[in-house]
């Protein structure tokens, strides 16, 4: 059994495997999210942390196995006759040399090393969940940024239509002024509104460019990549369904909740490790090799040496180190538990808030649709009245202005709805299907 097998035995988290953003049916968005998940530096950092946790688990797994090491040394040693034999006269120097194989095995009677390994394996799982959380956060940021980009394009269309309307108003005001039917004030007022709308369009163009650059940065690319992002084709008019009910176990799909759960398990096992350090420990040790005071005779049969036996260690006095360590591990566990509780409460609130927002936005959208239909009828009546000679063209333009206001309001509401939907997908850990219930 190795670390990989031990991790597999713990089981994998049941992450949703749907690419929920594909519901927007925009191939460019799908490509963008793939680029973000492949190129973002934050994900590389998260992956490195998982690798770091796996390395620690491998170290702790190795500590549960028998240890074998080779040791060779040669030393020029001075010894007098009292240290060797009283029959020898004087003192001599020798080459003290040895070649040994040293073996040891910790019996781990109290499970300290096994507990440390289990804690490290839980830490690996927590790291993997945190990596998944980073992936989900970045994918959601990319989707929401893309929706905002689409929203800006829709607002630009409405602003440009409004600009064309105001240009016609200015033309009418100038004609009336030249004909002596209007005043200079009317011309100036129409010009002022026109310049203001032009400034709004320029601001929207800036927002489009900045949003594209932000999306490129999420994908780990420079601003030039943002310039290549075309206008989104996702439909802001597409309604977003809101589930009537959500099973509580869906929160288990949230990687941040799973990560905190694994952290709690890891810290709990560290407490057991800290407790085991209070008890005596027994190692089985053995050595075999050759050793002697004469390097020339090192490899003959008379130089063989070896030994085997237990090595017992018992903490007697350590200045409170072990108790302090137990207190630290217990506090770490308490912190992990409270952090888990906080994440769960936050997750419940997050999901509930998204549901409330989506339902409220749907009601707002219904009211806006009614107002939009009314504005369309008013605009249609104004056009027919103008063609019949019943009203002047300014009435048509004013009706169009009301229509554009309602269209802009609808675009904003639908964009908020899609943003809230993306937020809900994140709140549920990434994706949701009715058949999961």
Protein backbone atom coordinates (compact mmCIF):
# COMPACT_ATOMS: atom_id res chain seq x y z
CA UNK A 1 0.00 0.00 0.00
CA UNK A 2 1.28 3.49 -0.85
CA UNK A 3 0.06 7.06 -0.37
CA UNK A 4 -1.95 6.98 -3.59
CA UNK A 5 -3.72 3.79 -2.52
CA UNK A 6 -4.44 5.25 0.90
CA UNK A 7 -5.97 8.36 -0.67
CA UNK A 8 -8.06 6.21 -2.99
CA UNK A 9 -9.27 4.17 -0.03
CA UNK A 10 -10.59 7.37 1.56
CA UNK A 11 -12.83 7.91 -1.45
CA UNK A 12 -13.19 10.90 -3.72
CA UNK A 13 -15.53 13.82 -3.21
CA UNK A 14 -18.63 13.70 -5.39
CA UNK A 15 -17.99 16.90 -7.30
CA UNK A 16 -20.60 17.90 -9.88
CA UNK A 17 -19.15 17.08 -13.27
CA UNK A 18 -21.38 19.35 -15.36
CA UNK A 19 -19.97 22.40 -17.08
CA UNK A 20 -22.90 24.49 -15.95
CA UNK A 21 -21.81 27.51 -17.99
CA UNK A 22 -22.57 25.59 -21.18
CA UNK A 23 -26.24 26.34 -20.53
CA UNK A 24 -25.56 29.83 -21.92
CA UNK A 25 -24.76 28.20 -25.27
CA UNK A 26 -21.86 30.44 -26.17
CA UNK A 27 -18.82 28.57 -27.59
CA UNK A 28 -16.59 31.55 -26.89
CA UNK A 29 -17.57 31.44 -23.21
CA UNK A 30 -16.78 27.70 -23.08
CA UNK A 31 -13.35 28.37 -24.57
CA UNK A 32 -12.73 31.27 -22.19
CA UNK A 33 -13.54 29.18 -19.10
CA UNK A 34 -11.20 26.42 -20.33
CA UNK A 35 -8.43 28.99 -20.74
CA UNK A 36 -9.06 30.33 -17.24
CA UNK A 37 -8.95 26.85 -15.70
CA UNK A 38 -5.72 26.05 -17.55
CA UNK A 39 -3.81 29.29 -17.32
CA UNK A 40 -4.71 31.13 -14.14
CA UNK A 41 -1.73 31.50 -11.74
CA UNK A 42 -3.92 31.03 -8.66
CA UNK A 43 -4.79 27.52 -9.83
CA UNK A 44 -1.11 26.71 -10.31
CA UNK A 45 -0.51 27.80 -6.71
CA UNK A 46 -3.41 25.64 -5.49
CA UNK A 47 -2.05 22.65 -7.41
CA UNK A 48 1.39 23.21 -5.89
CA UNK A 49 -0.14 23.21 -2.40
CA UNK A 50 -1.79 19.87 -3.11
CA UNK A 51 1.57 18.52 -4.27
CA UNK A 52 3.13 19.86 -1.08
CA UNK A 53 0.49 18.09 1.03
CA UNK A 54 1.09 14.86 -0.88
CA UNK A 55 4.80 15.15 -0.17
CA UNK A 56 4.14 15.50 3.57
CA UNK A 57 1.83 12.47 3.44
CA UNK A 58 4.56 10.48 1.66
CA UNK A 59 7.02 11.42 4.40
CA UNK A 60 4.63 10.32 7.13
CA UNK A 61 3.84 7.12 5.27
CA UNK A 62 7.56 6.36 5.03
CA UNK A 63 7.86 6.83 8.81
CA UNK A 64 5.50 3.87 9.38
CA UNK A 65 7.79 1.51 7.46
CA UNK A 66 11.03 -0.21 8.57
CA UNK A 67 14.08 1.98 8.06
CA UNK A 68 17.38 0.74 6.64
CA UNK A 69 20.50 2.80 6.11
CA UNK A 70 24.15 2.12 5.35
CA UNK A 71 26.91 3.74 7.34
CA UNK A 72 30.64 3.65 6.62
CA UNK A 73 33.42 5.53 8.35
CA UNK A 74 37.16 5.60 8.96
CA UNK A 75 38.90 7.54 11.70
CA UNK A 76 42.57 7.86 12.73
CA UNK A 77 42.40 7.11 16.48
CA UNK A 78 45.00 7.39 19.23
CA UNK A 79 44.71 4.80 22.02
CA UNK A 80 47.00 4.08 24.97
CA UNK A 81 47.58 0.68 26.53
CA UNK A 82 44.99 1.21 29.25
CA UNK A 83 42.32 1.57 26.59
CA UNK A 84 43.38 -1.60 24.73
CA UNK A 85 45.37 -4.03 26.88
CA UNK A 86 47.75 -3.71 29.83
CA UNK A 87 50.05 -6.22 28.10
CA UNK A 88 50.91 -3.70 25.44
CA UNK A 89 53.63 -1.19 26.03
CA UNK A 90 53.28 2.44 25.06
CA UNK A 91 50.49 3.80 22.92
CA UNK A 92 49.56 3.45 19.30
CA UNK A 93 47.38 5.05 16.67
CA UNK A 94 44.91 2.98 14.67
CA UNK A 95 42.55 3.32 11.72
CA UNK A 96 39.17 2.83 13.41
CA UNK A 97 36.93 1.78 10.50
CA UNK A 98 33.49 0.24 10.04
CA UNK A 99 30.88 -0.60 7.40
CA UNK A 100 27.46 -1.16 8.92
CA UNK A 101 23.85 -1.63 7.93
CA UNK A 102 21.50 -0.13 10.53
CA UNK A 103 17.84 -1.17 10.63
CA UNK A 104 15.06 0.12 12.84
CA UNK A 105 11.32 -0.25 13.10
CA UNK A 106 8.99 1.79 15.27
CA UNK A 107 6.36 -0.54 16.71
CA UNK A 108 4.01 2.45 16.99
CA UNK A 109 2.22 0.86 19.92
CA UNK A 110 0.00 3.90 20.49
CA UNK A 111 -0.67 4.74 16.85
CA UNK A 112 1.22 8.04 16.73
CA UNK A 113 2.74 7.48 13.31
CA UNK A 114 -0.42 5.95 11.88
CA UNK A 115 -2.40 8.90 13.20
CA UNK A 116 0.08 11.35 11.70
CA UNK A 117 -0.27 9.62 8.34
CA UNK A 118 -4.08 9.69 8.53
CA UNK A 119 -3.96 13.40 9.39
CA UNK A 120 -1.70 14.07 6.41
CA UNK A 121 -4.01 12.15 4.09
CA UNK A 122 -6.94 14.26 5.30
CA UNK A 123 -4.85 17.37 4.65
CA UNK A 124 -4.30 16.18 1.07
CA UNK A 125 -8.07 15.82 0.63
CA UNK A 126 -8.56 19.28 2.07
CA UNK A 127 -5.99 20.66 -0.35
CA UNK A 128 -7.73 18.99 -3.28
CA UNK A 129 -11.06 20.48 -2.17
CA UNK A 130 -9.47 23.92 -1.88
CA UNK A 131 -8.07 23.52 -5.39
CA UNK A 132 -11.58 22.66 -6.58
CA UNK A 133 -12.91 25.74 -4.76
CA UNK A 134 -10.37 27.90 -6.58
CA UNK A 135 -11.43 26.38 -9.90
CA UNK A 136 -15.09 27.04 -9.15
CA UNK A 137 -14.44 30.62 -8.05
CA UNK A 138 -12.44 31.38 -11.18
CA UNK A 139 -14.96 29.75 -13.51
CA UNK A 140 -17.75 31.75 -11.87
CA UNK A 141 -15.73 34.96 -12.12
CA UNK A 142 -15.16 34.29 -15.82
CA UNK A 143 -18.86 33.60 -16.46
CA UNK A 144 -20.00 36.64 -14.51
CA UNK A 145 -17.42 38.84 -16.21
CA UNK A 146 -18.60 37.55 -19.57
CA UNK A 147 -22.23 38.30 -18.67
CA UNK A 148 -21.22 41.83 -17.70
CA UNK A 149 -19.43 42.18 -21.03
CA UNK A 150 -22.60 41.11 -22.83
CA UNK A 151 -24.58 43.55 -20.71
CA UNK A 152 -22.31 46.43 -21.75
CA UNK A 153 -22.80 45.58 -25.42
CA UNK A 154 -26.58 45.58 -24.93
CA UNK A 155 -26.42 48.95 -23.15
CA UNK A 156 -24.28 50.32 -25.97
CA UNK A 157 -26.90 49.29 -28.53
CA UNK A 158 -29.61 51.06 -26.56
CA UNK A 159 -27.44 54.14 -26.07
CA UNK A 160 -26.66 54.31 -29.79
CA UNK A 161 -30.38 54.02 -30.61
CA UNK A 162 -31.00 56.83 -28.14
CA UNK A 163 -28.23 58.87 -29.77
CA UNK A 164 -29.88 58.49 -33.17
CA UNK A 165 -33.19 59.59 -31.67
CA UNK A 166 -31.59 62.67 -30.12
CA UNK A 167 -29.89 63.52 -33.40
CA UNK A 168 -33.32 63.58 -35.06
CA UNK A 169 -34.65 65.80 -32.26
CA UNK A 170 -31.73 68.20 -32.76
CA UNK A 171 -32.40 68.27 -36.48
CA UNK A 172 -36.07 69.11 -35.87
CA UNK A 173 -35.12 71.82 -33.35
CA UNK A 174 -32.76 73.45 -35.81
CA UNK A 175 -35.33 73.35 -38.60
CA UNK A 176 -37.93 74.92 -36.30
CA UNK A 177 -35.43 77.59 -35.25
CA UNK A 178 -34.55 78.45 -38.86
CA UNK A 179 -38.25 78.59 -39.74
CA UNK A 180 -38.89 80.93 -36.82
CA UNK A 181 -41.08 78.40 -35.03
CA UNK A 182 -38.60 77.52 -32.28
CA UNK A 183 -36.03 79.16 -30.06
CA UNK A 184 -32.30 78.92 -29.67
CA UNK A 185 -32.90 77.46 -26.22
CA UNK A 186 -34.54 74.39 -27.77
CA UNK A 187 -31.51 73.87 -30.04
CA UNK A 188 -29.07 74.20 -27.14
CA UNK A 189 -31.07 71.83 -24.95
CA UNK A 190 -31.17 69.22 -27.72
CA UNK A 191 -27.42 69.62 -28.29
CA UNK A 192 -26.66 69.22 -24.58
CA UNK A 193 -28.59 65.97 -24.34
CA UNK A 194 -26.87 64.71 -27.47
CA UNK A 195 -23.38 65.39 -26.10
CA UNK A 196 -24.28 63.71 -22.82
CA UNK A 197 -25.41 60.55 -24.62
CA UNK A 198 -22.21 60.55 -26.69
CA UNK A 199 -20.21 60.67 -23.44
CA UNK A 200 -22.24 57.75 -22.09
CA UNK A 201 -21.42 55.70 -25.20
CA UNK A 202 -17.73 56.47 -24.76
CA UNK A 203 -17.93 55.35 -21.12
CA UNK A 204 -19.57 52.11 -22.22
CA UNK A 205 -16.82 51.55 -24.80
CA UNK A 206 -14.27 51.98 -22.01
CA UNK A 207 -16.15 49.49 -19.81
CA UNK A 208 -16.19 46.96 -22.67
CA UNK A 209 -12.43 47.25 -23.16
CA UNK A 210 -11.67 47.02 -19.43
CA UNK A 211 -13.97 44.03 -19.01
CA UNK A 212 -12.28 42.22 -21.90
CA UNK A 213 -8.85 42.92 -20.37
CA UNK A 214 -10.06 41.56 -17.02
CA UNK A 215 -11.25 38.35 -18.66
CA UNK A 216 -7.90 37.97 -20.39
CA UNK A 217 -6.11 38.45 -17.05
CA UNK A 218 -8.26 35.70 -15.48
CA UNK A 219 -7.01 33.39 -18.21
CA UNK A 220 -3.42 34.30 -17.40
CA UNK A 221 -2.97 36.33 -20.60
CA UNK A 222 -2.08 39.91 -21.36
CA UNK A 223 -4.45 42.71 -22.46
CA UNK A 224 -3.87 41.83 -26.11
CA UNK A 225 -5.82 38.61 -25.61
CA UNK A 226 -8.76 40.66 -24.35
CA UNK A 227 -8.87 42.62 -27.59
CA UNK A 228 -9.55 39.36 -29.40
CA UNK A 229 -12.68 38.59 -27.38
CA UNK A 230 -15.63 39.06 -29.70
CA UNK A 231 -19.06 40.26 -28.71
CA UNK A 232 -20.81 37.57 -26.63
CA UNK A 233 -23.63 35.71 -28.31
CA UNK A 234 -25.38 34.54 -25.16
CA UNK A 235 -28.96 35.73 -25.06
CA UNK A 236 -29.80 38.12 -22.26
CA UNK A 237 -33.44 37.51 -23.09
CA UNK A 238 -33.21 33.85 -22.02
CA UNK A 239 -35.20 33.27 -18.82
CA UNK A 240 -33.45 31.58 -15.92
CA UNK A 241 -35.37 28.95 -14.03
CA UNK A 242 -35.32 28.88 -10.23
CA UNK A 243 -35.63 25.47 -8.51
CA UNK A 244 -38.63 25.14 -6.22
CA UNK A 245 -36.61 23.29 -3.57
CA UNK A 246 -33.04 22.22 -3.03
CA UNK A 247 -31.97 19.19 -0.97
CA UNK A 248 -29.66 20.04 1.90
CA UNK A 249 -27.05 17.49 0.84
CA UNK A 250 -26.24 19.68 -2.15
CA UNK A 251 -24.14 21.76 0.25
CA UNK A 252 -21.81 18.77 0.41
CA UNK A 253 -20.94 19.54 -3.21
CA UNK A 254 -19.44 22.85 -2.15
CA UNK A 255 -15.66 22.41 -2.14
CA UNK A 256 -15.13 24.99 0.60
CA UNK A 257 -17.43 23.00 2.91
CA UNK A 258 -15.66 19.76 1.99
CA UNK A 259 -12.25 21.35 2.57
CA UNK A 260 -13.20 22.52 6.05
CA UNK A 261 -14.62 19.09 6.86
CA UNK A 262 -11.31 17.44 5.92
CA UNK A 263 -9.45 20.07 7.98
CA UNK A 264 -11.52 19.13 11.02
CA UNK A 265 -10.71 15.44 10.52
CA UNK A 266 -7.02 16.21 10.10
CA UNK A 267 -6.86 18.30 13.28
CA UNK A 268 -8.78 15.67 15.25
CA UNK A 269 -6.20 13.06 14.37
CA UNK A 270 -3.38 15.42 15.30
CA UNK A 271 -4.81 15.45 18.83
CA UNK A 272 -4.47 11.66 18.98
CA UNK A 273 -0.89 11.98 17.79
CA UNK A 274 -0.16 14.53 20.53
CA UNK A 275 -1.65 12.23 23.19
CA UNK A 276 0.39 9.25 21.99
CA UNK A 277 3.60 11.19 22.61
CA UNK A 278 2.99 10.94 26.37
CA UNK A 279 3.45 7.16 26.29
CA UNK A 280 6.66 5.11 26.07
CA UNK A 281 7.84 4.22 22.61
CA UNK A 282 9.61 1.04 21.51
CA UNK A 283 11.83 0.71 18.48
CA UNK A 284 13.35 -2.52 17.24
CA UNK A 285 16.93 -1.82 16.16
CA UNK A 286 19.52 -4.01 14.51
CA UNK A 287 22.90 -3.53 12.93
CA UNK A 288 25.30 -5.79 11.02
CA UNK A 289 28.60 -5.24 9.27
CA UNK A 290 32.32 -5.18 9.82
CA UNK A 291 34.33 -3.10 12.26
CA UNK A 292 37.90 -3.03 13.46
CA UNK A 293 40.97 -1.04 14.47
CA UNK A 294 42.98 -2.20 11.50
CA UNK A 295 41.76 -1.24 8.07
CA UNK A 296 43.82 -4.01 6.50
CA UNK A 297 41.85 -6.66 8.35
CA UNK A 298 38.45 -5.02 7.98
CA UNK A 299 37.10 -7.49 5.47
CA UNK A 300 38.18 -10.76 7.07
CA UNK A 301 35.85 -12.94 9.07
CA UNK A 302 37.14 -11.77 12.45
CA UNK A 303 35.81 -8.22 11.85
CA UNK A 304 32.15 -9.17 11.57
CA UNK A 305 29.85 -7.48 14.06
CA UNK A 306 26.12 -7.22 14.62
CA UNK A 307 23.38 -6.75 17.14
CA UNK A 308 19.64 -6.61 17.63
CA UNK A 309 17.33 -5.48 20.39
CA UNK A 310 14.63 -3.09 21.53
CA UNK A 311 15.16 0.61 22.19
CA UNK A 312 12.71 2.10 24.66
CA UNK A 313 12.12 5.82 25.11
CA UNK A 314 9.96 7.30 27.84
CA UNK A 315 9.31 11.01 28.34
CA UNK A 316 10.14 11.87 31.94
CA UNK A 317 10.67 15.60 32.08
CA UNK A 318 10.38 17.92 29.08
CA UNK A 319 9.46 21.24 30.60
CA UNK A 320 5.79 21.01 29.54
CA UNK A 321 6.52 20.63 25.84
CA UNK A 322 4.16 17.69 25.38
CA UNK A 323 1.32 19.33 27.30
CA UNK A 324 1.83 22.53 25.38
CA UNK A 325 1.74 20.61 22.10
CA UNK A 326 -1.51 18.90 23.13
CA UNK A 327 -3.00 22.28 24.02
CA UNK A 328 -1.95 23.66 20.63
CA UNK A 329 -3.47 20.74 18.73
CA UNK A 330 -6.71 20.92 20.74
CA UNK A 331 -7.00 24.64 20.01
CA UNK A 332 -6.31 23.98 16.32
CA UNK A 333 -9.13 21.44 16.30
CA UNK A 334 -11.51 23.91 17.98
CA UNK A 335 -10.58 26.54 15.40
CA UNK A 336 -11.19 24.08 12.56
CA UNK A 337 -14.61 23.11 13.96
CA UNK A 338 -15.73 26.71 14.33
CA UNK A 339 -14.40 27.52 10.86
CA UNK A 340 -16.43 24.62 9.49
CA UNK A 341 -19.55 25.86 11.27
CA UNK A 342 -18.96 29.33 9.88
CA UNK A 343 -18.55 28.03 6.34
CA UNK A 344 -21.73 25.93 6.57
CA UNK A 345 -23.77 28.84 7.92
CA UNK A 346 -22.35 31.08 5.20
CA UNK A 347 -23.16 28.46 2.56
CA UNK A 348 -26.76 28.18 3.72
CA UNK A 349 -27.15 31.96 3.69
CA UNK A 350 -25.47 32.21 0.29
CA UNK A 351 -27.84 29.71 -1.30
CA UNK A 352 -30.91 31.26 0.36
CA UNK A 353 -29.86 34.76 -0.74
CA UNK A 354 -29.35 33.63 -4.34
CA UNK A 355 -32.78 31.98 -4.43
CA UNK A 356 -34.46 35.08 -2.99
CA UNK A 357 -32.65 37.31 -5.49
CA UNK A 358 -33.54 35.12 -8.46
CA UNK A 359 -37.22 34.98 -7.51
CA UNK A 360 -37.34 38.72 -6.89
CA UNK A 361 -35.60 39.43 -10.18
CA UNK A 362 -38.09 37.20 -11.98
CA UNK A 363 -40.97 39.21 -10.51
CA UNK A 364 -39.21 42.44 -11.47
CA UNK A 365 -38.70 41.10 -14.98
CA UNK A 366 -42.42 40.31 -15.25
CA UNK A 367 -43.29 43.90 -14.32
CA UNK A 368 -40.68 45.28 -16.71
CA UNK A 369 -42.08 43.12 -19.52
CA UNK A 370 -45.52 44.58 -18.90
CA UNK A 371 -44.10 48.11 -18.97
CA UNK A 372 -42.14 47.28 -22.11
CA UNK A 373 -45.25 46.03 -23.88
CA UNK A 374 -47.05 49.22 -22.89
CA UNK A 375 -44.16 51.33 -24.22
CA UNK A 376 -44.17 49.38 -27.49
CA UNK A 377 -47.90 50.02 -27.92
CA UNK A 378 -47.45 53.72 -27.20
CA UNK A 379 -44.63 53.95 -29.73
CA UNK A 380 -46.70 52.11 -32.33
CA UNK A 381 -49.67 54.44 -31.76
CA UNK A 382 -47.42 57.49 -32.01
CA UNK A 383 -46.01 56.27 -35.33
CA UNK A 384 -49.50 55.63 -36.72
CA UNK A 385 -50.65 59.03 -35.49
CA UNK A 386 -47.70 60.71 -37.16
CA UNK A 387 -48.33 58.92 -40.46
CA UNK A 388 -51.99 60.00 -40.22
CA UNK A 389 -51.05 63.61 -39.54
CA UNK A 390 -52.54 63.61 -36.04
CA UNK A 391 -49.31 64.24 -34.06
CA UNK A 392 -45.93 65.72 -34.88
CA UNK A 393 -42.70 63.74 -35.03
CA UNK A 394 -41.57 64.87 -31.60
CA UNK A 395 -44.35 62.77 -30.11
CA UNK A 396 -42.93 59.73 -31.91
CA UNK A 397 -39.46 60.45 -30.62
CA UNK A 398 -40.72 60.91 -27.07
CA UNK A 399 -42.55 57.57 -27.27
CA UNK A 400 -39.36 55.99 -28.56
CA UNK A 401 -37.49 57.45 -25.62
CA UNK A 402 -39.84 55.72 -23.20
CA UNK A 403 -39.40 52.48 -25.12
CA UNK A 404 -35.60 52.72 -24.90
CA UNK A 405 -35.81 53.39 -21.17
CA UNK A 406 -37.81 50.20 -20.65
CA UNK A 407 -35.46 48.22 -22.91
CA UNK A 408 -32.48 49.41 -20.89
CA UNK A 409 -34.21 48.53 -17.62
CA UNK A 410 -34.97 45.06 -18.94
CA UNK A 411 -31.38 44.49 -20.07
CA UNK A 412 -30.14 45.43 -16.60
CA UNK A 413 -32.63 43.13 -14.85
CA UNK A 414 -31.86 40.14 -17.08
CA UNK A 415 -28.11 40.69 -16.61
CA UNK A 416 -28.63 40.72 -12.83
CA UNK A 417 -30.68 37.55 -13.19
CA UNK A 418 -27.95 35.74 -15.09
CA UNK A 419 -25.31 36.96 -12.63
CA UNK A 420 -27.42 35.66 -9.74
CA UNK A 421 -27.87 32.35 -11.56
CA UNK A 422 -24.09 32.00 -11.95
CA UNK A 423 -23.75 32.84 -8.27
CA UNK A 424 -26.26 30.11 -7.40
CA UNK A 425 -24.29 27.57 -9.41
CA UNK A 426 -21.21 28.52 -7.40
CA UNK A 427 -23.18 28.37 -4.13
CA UNK A 428 -24.23 24.81 -4.94
CA UNK A 429 -20.66 23.73 -5.56
CA UNK A 430 -20.84 23.96 -9.34
CA UNK A 431 -23.92 22.89 -11.22
CA UNK A 432 -27.42 21.72 -10.44
CA UNK A 433 -29.94 19.43 -12.09
CA UNK A 434 -33.55 18.80 -11.14
CA UNK A 435 -33.03 15.01 -11.38
CA UNK A 436 -30.59 15.16 -8.49
CA UNK A 437 -33.52 15.42 -6.14
